[in-house]
């Protein structure tokens, strides 16, 4: 089971929402098979982290190259992001 709800907009765009009740252990390190950019749709204190780098706020667009290991770090509220592939 995924730690988010997903709405497919088209072949290149999805909206994902992570609940404030998401368990931190469900937010695992992973990589994707395609480049993508994530954009927060609401103000948030959730963070984003690439492997071997410090966490950064998800308050501006973040480009994620394919096969680069990363994760999100839980904040205090829901997280709603747009993913552009």
N, C-alpha and C. Protein backbone atom coordinates (compact mmCIF):
# COMPACT_ATOMS: atom_id res chain seq x y z
N UNK A 1 0.84 -1.19 0.00
CA UNK A 1 0.00 0.00 0.00
C UNK A 1 0.89 1.25 0.00
N UNK A 2 0.56 2.20 -0.84
CA UNK A 2 1.33 3.43 -0.97
C UNK A 2 0.96 4.41 0.15
N UNK A 3 1.91 5.24 0.59
CA UNK A 3 1.62 6.19 1.69
C UNK A 3 0.97 7.48 1.20
N UNK A 4 0.33 7.44 0.04
CA UNK A 4 -0.29 8.64 -0.53
C UNK A 4 -1.51 8.27 -1.36
N UNK A 5 -2.34 9.27 -1.61
CA UNK A 5 -3.44 9.16 -2.56
C UNK A 5 -2.96 9.81 -3.85
N UNK A 6 -3.32 9.27 -5.00
CA UNK A 6 -2.83 9.81 -6.26
C UNK A 6 -3.98 10.04 -7.23
N UNK A 7 -3.91 11.18 -7.91
CA UNK A 7 -4.88 11.52 -8.95
C UNK A 7 -4.08 11.75 -10.24
N UNK A 8 -4.35 10.95 -11.27
CA UNK A 8 -3.66 11.08 -12.55
C UNK A 8 -4.34 12.18 -13.35
N UNK A 9 -3.57 13.19 -13.75
CA UNK A 9 -4.10 14.28 -14.55
C UNK A 9 -3.95 13.96 -16.04
N UNK A 10 -2.76 13.53 -16.44
CA UNK A 10 -2.50 13.08 -17.81
C UNK A 10 -1.27 12.17 -17.77
N UNK A 11 -0.73 11.81 -18.93
CA UNK A 11 0.40 10.88 -18.98
C UNK A 11 1.66 11.42 -18.31
N UNK A 12 1.73 12.73 -18.09
CA UNK A 12 2.94 13.35 -17.56
C UNK A 12 2.75 14.03 -16.21
N UNK A 13 1.52 14.05 -15.72
CA UNK A 13 1.24 14.82 -14.50
C UNK A 13 0.34 14.04 -13.55
N UNK A 14 0.74 14.00 -12.27
CA UNK A 14 -0.10 13.42 -11.23
C UNK A 14 -0.10 14.36 -10.02
N UNK A 15 -1.15 14.27 -9.24
CA UNK A 15 -1.24 14.97 -7.96
C UNK A 15 -1.19 13.91 -6.88
N UNK A 16 -0.30 14.10 -5.92
CA UNK A 16 -0.20 13.18 -4.79
C UNK A 16 -0.44 13.94 -3.50
N UNK A 17 -1.16 13.27 -2.61
CA UNK A 17 -1.39 13.86 -1.29
C UNK A 17 -1.01 12.85 -0.22
N UNK A 18 -0.12 13.30 0.65
CA UNK A 18 0.32 12.52 1.80
C UNK A 18 -0.39 13.09 3.03
N UNK A 19 -0.99 12.24 3.82
CA UNK A 19 -1.71 12.66 5.01
C UNK A 19 -0.74 13.01 6.14
N UNK A 20 -1.17 13.93 6.98
CA UNK A 20 -0.38 14.24 8.17
C UNK A 20 -0.30 13.03 9.10
N UNK A 21 -1.15 12.03 8.88
CA UNK A 21 -1.14 10.81 9.69
C UNK A 21 -0.24 9.72 9.10
N UNK A 22 0.43 10.01 8.00
CA UNK A 22 1.34 9.04 7.40
C UNK A 22 2.43 8.68 8.41
N UNK A 23 2.72 7.39 8.52
CA UNK A 23 3.78 6.95 9.42
C UNK A 23 5.13 7.20 8.75
N UNK A 24 6.07 7.75 9.49
CA UNK A 24 7.38 8.10 8.94
C UNK A 24 8.10 6.90 8.31
N UNK A 25 7.89 5.72 8.84
CA UNK A 25 8.54 4.52 8.30
C UNK A 25 8.02 4.15 6.91
N UNK A 26 6.86 4.70 6.52
CA UNK A 26 6.32 4.44 5.19
C UNK A 26 6.95 5.33 4.12
N UNK A 27 7.70 6.34 4.54
CA UNK A 27 8.34 7.28 3.61
C UNK A 27 9.77 6.80 3.35
N UNK A 28 9.89 5.85 2.47
CA UNK A 28 11.16 5.14 2.26
C UNK A 28 12.03 5.81 1.20
N UNK A 29 13.33 5.55 1.31
CA UNK A 29 14.26 5.96 0.27
C UNK A 29 13.90 5.17 -0.98
N UNK A 30 13.92 5.83 -2.13
CA UNK A 30 13.62 5.15 -3.39
C UNK A 30 14.20 5.93 -4.57
N UNK A 31 14.09 5.35 -5.75
CA UNK A 31 14.46 6.04 -6.98
C UNK A 31 13.40 5.76 -8.02
N UNK A 32 13.33 6.63 -9.02
CA UNK A 32 12.34 6.50 -10.08
C UNK A 32 13.04 6.25 -11.41
N UNK A 33 12.31 5.67 -12.35
CA UNK A 33 12.88 5.32 -13.65
C UNK A 33 12.77 6.44 -14.68
N UNK A 34 12.38 7.64 -14.22
CA UNK A 34 12.27 8.77 -15.13
C UNK A 34 12.55 10.06 -14.38
N UNK A 35 13.00 11.07 -15.12
CA UNK A 35 13.16 12.40 -14.53
C UNK A 35 11.79 12.90 -14.11
N UNK A 36 11.77 13.72 -13.08
CA UNK A 36 10.51 14.34 -12.66
C UNK A 36 10.79 15.62 -11.90
N UNK A 37 9.81 16.47 -11.85
CA UNK A 37 9.86 17.69 -11.05
C UNK A 37 8.67 17.65 -10.10
N UNK A 38 8.91 17.99 -8.84
CA UNK A 38 7.80 18.07 -7.89
C UNK A 38 7.59 19.53 -7.51
N UNK A 39 6.31 19.88 -7.35
CA UNK A 39 5.92 21.23 -6.98
C UNK A 39 4.88 21.13 -5.87
N UNK A 40 5.13 21.77 -4.73
CA UNK A 40 4.14 21.78 -3.64
C UNK A 40 2.97 22.66 -4.07
N UNK A 41 1.75 22.17 -3.85
CA UNK A 41 0.56 22.91 -4.23
C UNK A 41 0.01 23.74 -3.07
N UNK A 42 0.54 23.52 -1.89
CA UNK A 42 0.15 24.27 -0.70
C UNK A 42 1.40 24.49 0.14
N UNK A 43 1.38 25.52 0.97
CA UNK A 43 2.53 25.75 1.85
C UNK A 43 2.69 24.56 2.79
N UNK A 44 3.93 24.17 3.03
CA UNK A 44 4.18 22.97 3.83
C UNK A 44 5.51 23.08 4.56
N UNK A 45 5.63 22.30 5.63
CA UNK A 45 6.94 22.19 6.29
C UNK A 45 7.54 20.79 6.09
N UNK A 46 6.98 20.01 5.16
CA UNK A 46 7.60 18.75 4.77
C UNK A 46 8.92 19.08 4.08
N UNK A 47 9.84 18.11 4.10
CA UNK A 47 11.15 18.31 3.51
C UNK A 47 11.40 17.23 2.44
N UNK A 48 12.39 17.50 1.61
CA UNK A 48 12.82 16.58 0.56
C UNK A 48 14.31 16.33 0.76
N UNK A 49 14.76 15.10 0.50
CA UNK A 49 16.17 14.80 0.68
C UNK A 49 16.69 13.84 -0.38
N UNK A 50 17.79 14.23 -1.03
CA UNK A 50 18.54 13.32 -1.89
C UNK A 50 19.52 12.56 -1.00
N UNK A 51 19.87 11.34 -1.40
CA UNK A 51 20.86 10.55 -0.68
C UNK A 51 22.17 11.32 -0.56
N UNK A 52 22.77 11.31 0.61
CA UNK A 52 24.04 11.98 0.90
C UNK A 52 23.96 13.51 0.81
N UNK A 53 22.76 14.07 0.95
CA UNK A 53 22.59 15.52 0.97
C UNK A 53 21.69 15.90 2.14
N UNK A 54 21.74 17.17 2.53
CA UNK A 54 20.89 17.66 3.60
C UNK A 54 19.46 17.84 3.10
N UNK A 55 18.47 17.69 3.98
CA UNK A 55 17.08 17.92 3.58
C UNK A 55 16.87 19.38 3.17
N UNK A 56 15.93 19.59 2.23
CA UNK A 56 15.57 20.93 1.80
C UNK A 56 14.05 21.09 1.87
N UNK A 57 13.56 22.31 2.07
CA UNK A 57 12.11 22.54 2.09
C UNK A 57 11.49 22.26 0.72
N UNK A 58 10.26 21.83 0.73
CA UNK A 58 9.52 21.61 -0.53
C UNK A 58 8.68 22.87 -0.78
N UNK A 59 9.33 24.00 -0.94
CA UNK A 59 8.61 25.26 -1.15
C UNK A 59 8.89 25.88 -2.51
N UNK A 60 9.72 25.23 -3.30
CA UNK A 60 9.95 25.64 -4.68
C UNK A 60 10.12 24.36 -5.49
N UNK A 61 9.98 24.42 -6.82
CA UNK A 61 10.10 23.20 -7.63
C UNK A 61 11.43 22.49 -7.39
N UNK A 62 11.37 21.16 -7.37
CA UNK A 62 12.57 20.34 -7.17
C UNK A 62 12.66 19.35 -8.33
N UNK A 63 13.77 19.41 -9.05
CA UNK A 63 14.01 18.47 -10.15
C UNK A 63 14.69 17.22 -9.59
N UNK A 64 14.17 16.05 -9.96
CA UNK A 64 14.71 14.77 -9.50
C UNK A 64 15.15 13.98 -10.72
N UNK A 65 16.46 13.84 -10.93
CA UNK A 65 16.93 13.04 -12.06
C UNK A 65 16.58 11.56 -11.87
N UNK A 66 16.33 10.87 -12.98
CA UNK A 66 16.02 9.43 -12.88
C UNK A 66 17.15 8.69 -12.19
N UNK A 67 16.78 7.71 -11.41
CA UNK A 67 17.69 6.82 -10.67
C UNK A 67 18.47 7.50 -9.55
N UNK A 68 18.09 8.73 -9.18
CA UNK A 68 18.73 9.40 -8.04
C UNK A 68 17.91 9.07 -6.79
N UNK A 69 18.54 8.51 -5.78
CA UNK A 69 17.86 8.08 -4.57
C UNK A 69 17.41 9.30 -3.76
N UNK A 70 16.16 9.23 -3.27
CA UNK A 70 15.58 10.36 -2.54
C UNK A 70 14.42 9.90 -1.65
N UNK A 71 13.94 10.84 -0.85
CA UNK A 71 12.78 10.56 0.01
C UNK A 71 12.14 11.89 0.41
N UNK A 72 10.92 11.81 0.95
CA UNK A 72 10.29 12.97 1.59
C UNK A 72 10.32 12.73 3.09
N UNK A 73 10.36 13.83 3.83
CA UNK A 73 10.40 13.78 5.29
C UNK A 73 9.14 14.45 5.80
N UNK A 74 8.44 13.75 6.65
CA UNK A 74 7.13 14.18 7.14
C UNK A 74 7.17 15.51 7.87
N UNK A 75 6.13 16.31 7.61
CA UNK A 75 5.92 17.57 8.32
C UNK A 75 4.70 17.47 9.21
N UNK A 76 4.14 18.63 9.57
CA UNK A 76 3.04 18.68 10.54
C UNK A 76 1.65 18.62 9.92
N UNK A 77 1.55 18.80 8.61
CA UNK A 77 0.24 18.86 7.97
C UNK A 77 0.22 17.91 6.78
N UNK A 78 -0.83 17.96 5.98
CA UNK A 78 -0.87 17.18 4.75
C UNK A 78 0.11 17.77 3.75
N UNK A 79 0.61 16.95 2.86
CA UNK A 79 1.47 17.40 1.77
C UNK A 79 0.76 17.10 0.46
N UNK A 80 0.57 18.13 -0.36
CA UNK A 80 -0.05 17.96 -1.67
C UNK A 80 0.93 18.48 -2.71
N UNK A 81 1.35 17.58 -3.62
CA UNK A 81 2.35 17.95 -4.63
C UNK A 81 1.86 17.57 -6.02
N UNK A 82 2.37 18.33 -7.00
CA UNK A 82 2.19 17.97 -8.41
C UNK A 82 3.51 17.36 -8.87
N UNK A 83 3.42 16.23 -9.56
CA UNK A 83 4.60 15.57 -10.11
C UNK A 83 4.51 15.65 -11.62
N UNK A 84 5.53 16.22 -12.23
CA UNK A 84 5.58 16.36 -13.69
C UNK A 84 6.69 15.44 -14.18
N UNK A 85 6.32 14.48 -15.00
CA UNK A 85 7.28 13.48 -15.51
C UNK A 85 7.77 13.86 -16.89
